C-alpha atoms as a PDB file:
ATOM      1  CA  UNK A   1      -6.895 -14.754   6.838  1.00  0.00           C
ATOM      2  CA  UNK A   2      -6.541 -13.091  10.219  1.00  0.00           C
ATOM      3  CA  UNK A   3      -9.101 -10.334  10.901  1.00  0.00           C
ATOM      4  CA  UNK A   4      -7.391  -6.962  11.006  1.00  0.00           C
ATOM      5  CA  UNK A   5      -4.183  -8.292   9.441  1.00  0.00           C
ATOM      6  CA  UNK A   6      -2.577  -5.913   6.953  1.00  0.00           C
ATOM      7  CA  UNK A   7      -1.361  -7.159   3.598  1.00  0.00           C
ATOM      8  CA  UNK A   8       0.856  -5.434   1.064  1.00  0.00           C
ATOM      9  CA  UNK A   9      -0.846  -4.969  -2.280  1.00  0.00           C
ATOM     10  CA  UNK A  10       1.680  -2.731  -4.016  1.00  0.00           C
ATOM     11  CA  UNK A  11       5.091  -1.129  -3.830  1.00  0.00           C
ATOM     12  CA  UNK A  12       5.351   2.269  -5.483  1.00  0.00           C
ATOM     13  CA  UNK A  13       8.397   4.464  -6.104  1.00  0.00           C
ATOM     14  CA  UNK A  14       7.382   7.457  -3.978  1.00  0.00           C
ATOM     15  CA  UNK A  15       5.188   8.774  -1.175  1.00  0.00           C
ATOM     16  CA  UNK A  16       3.015  10.900  -3.506  1.00  0.00           C
ATOM     17  CA  UNK A  17       2.244   7.805  -5.596  1.00  0.00           C
ATOM     18  CA  UNK A  18       1.345   5.862  -2.461  1.00  0.00           C
ATOM     19  CA  UNK A  19      -0.929   8.707  -1.351  1.00  0.00           C
ATOM     20  CA  UNK A  20      -2.612   8.750  -4.747  1.00  0.00           C
ATOM     21  CA  UNK A  21      -3.171   5.001  -4.754  1.00  0.00           C
ATOM     22  CA  UNK A  22      -4.553   5.055  -1.207  1.00  0.00           C
ATOM     23  CA  UNK A  23      -6.829   7.929  -2.106  1.00  0.00           C
ATOM     24  CA  UNK A  24      -8.225   6.007  -5.046  1.00  0.00           C
ATOM     25  CA  UNK A  25      -8.763   2.892  -2.944  1.00  0.00           C
ATOM     26  CA  UNK A  26     -10.515   4.971  -0.294  1.00  0.00           C
ATOM     27  CA  UNK A  27     -12.944   6.316  -2.889  1.00  0.00           C
ATOM     28  CA  UNK A  28     -13.926   2.676  -3.415  1.00  0.00           C
ATOM     29  CA  UNK A  29     -14.487   2.209   0.326  1.00  0.00           C
ATOM     30  CA  UNK A  30     -11.217   0.408   1.026  1.00  0.00           C
ATOM     31  CA  UNK A  31      -9.230   1.577   4.036  1.00  0.00           C
ATOM     32  CA  UNK A  32      -5.578   1.900   3.162  1.00  0.00           C
ATOM     33  CA  UNK A  33      -2.252   2.919   4.634  1.00  0.00           C
ATOM     34  CA  UNK A  34       1.255   3.399   3.330  1.00  0.00           C
ATOM     35  CA  UNK A  35       4.684   3.090   4.871  1.00  0.00           C
ATOM     36  CA  UNK A  36       8.332   2.919   3.915  1.00  0.00           C
ATOM     37  CA  UNK A  37       8.858  -0.470   2.355  1.00  0.00           C
ATOM     38  CA  UNK A  38      10.994  -3.162   3.916  1.00  0.00           C
ATOM     39  CA  UNK A  39      12.287  -4.097   0.465  1.00  0.00           C
ATOM     40  CA  UNK A  40      15.994  -3.383   0.606  1.00  0.00           C
ATOM     41  CA  UNK A  41      15.820  -3.323   4.407  1.00  0.00           C
ATOM     42  CA  UNK A  42      18.653  -1.539   6.101  1.00  0.00           C
ATOM     43  CA  UNK A  43      19.394   0.767   3.193  1.00  0.00           C
ATOM     44  CA  UNK A  44      18.192   3.804   5.122  1.00  0.00           C
ATOM     45  CA  UNK A  45      16.865   2.074   8.257  1.00  0.00           C
ATOM     46  CA  UNK A  46      13.237   2.589   7.224  1.00  0.00           C
ATOM     47  CA  UNK A  47      13.161   6.300   8.025  1.00  0.00           C
ATOM     48  CA  UNK A  48      13.878   7.732   4.610  1.00  0.00           C
ATOM     49  CA  UNK A  49      11.801  10.790   3.715  1.00  0.00           C
ATOM     50  CA  UNK A  50      12.076   9.695   0.086  1.00  0.00           C
ATOM     51  CA  UNK A  51      11.973   6.365  -1.679  1.00  0.00           C
ATOM     52  CA  UNK A  52       9.685   3.410  -2.170  1.00  0.00           C
ATOM     53  CA  UNK A  53       6.502   2.945  -0.196  1.00  0.00           C
ATOM     54  CA  UNK A  54       4.309  -0.071   0.267  1.00  0.00           C
ATOM     55  CA  UNK A  55       0.546   0.201   0.192  1.00  0.00           C
ATOM     56  CA  UNK A  56      -1.353  -1.936   2.687  1.00  0.00           C
ATOM     57  CA  UNK A  57      -4.990  -2.884   3.133  1.00  0.00           C
ATOM     58  CA  UNK A  58      -6.776  -5.214   5.527  1.00  0.00           C
ATOM     59  CA  UNK A  59      -6.763  -8.860   4.571  1.00  0.00           C
ATOM     60  CA  UNK A  60     -10.552  -8.668   4.202  1.00  0.00           C
ATOM     61  CA  UNK A  61     -10.154  -6.020   1.453  1.00  0.00           C
ATOM     62  CA  UNK A  62      -7.188  -7.585  -0.346  1.00  0.00           C
ATOM     63  CA  UNK A  63      -9.096  -9.321  -3.134  1.00  0.00           C
ATOM     64  CA  UNK A  64     -11.165  -6.243  -4.033  1.00  0.00           C
ATOM     65  CA  UNK A  65      -8.117  -3.956  -3.856  1.00  0.00           C
ATOM     66  CA  UNK A  66      -6.148  -6.250  -6.182  1.00  0.00           C
ATOM     67  CA  UNK A  67      -9.082  -6.345  -8.594  1.00  0.00           C
ATOM     68  CA  UNK A  68      -9.128  -2.547  -8.676  1.00  0.00           C
ATOM     69  CA  UNK A  69      -5.375  -2.402  -9.266  1.00  0.00           C
ATOM     70  CA  UNK A  70      -5.635  -4.951 -12.076  1.00  0.00           C
ATOM     71  CA  UNK A  71      -8.424  -2.893 -13.661  1.00  0.00           C
ATOM     72  CA  UNK A  72      -6.291   0.234 -13.449  1.00  0.00           C
ATOM     73  CA  UNK A  73      -8.685   1.722 -10.929  1.00  0.00           C
END
């Protein structure tokens, strides 16, 4: 684990879903960000206003974030 490294914990179908998931993680004290996913890279060159998003957390928070996802938050 590299301090400060970001890890992907989920891919969701839309930006609103990514925002919701990040909001829920933040309520548990986990810093989170979302971005256009690199899955299917090149489809829209990563600048699509719609489409799948990946949710990222720091490597230090990965285990707790995955536990929360598994528990359905």
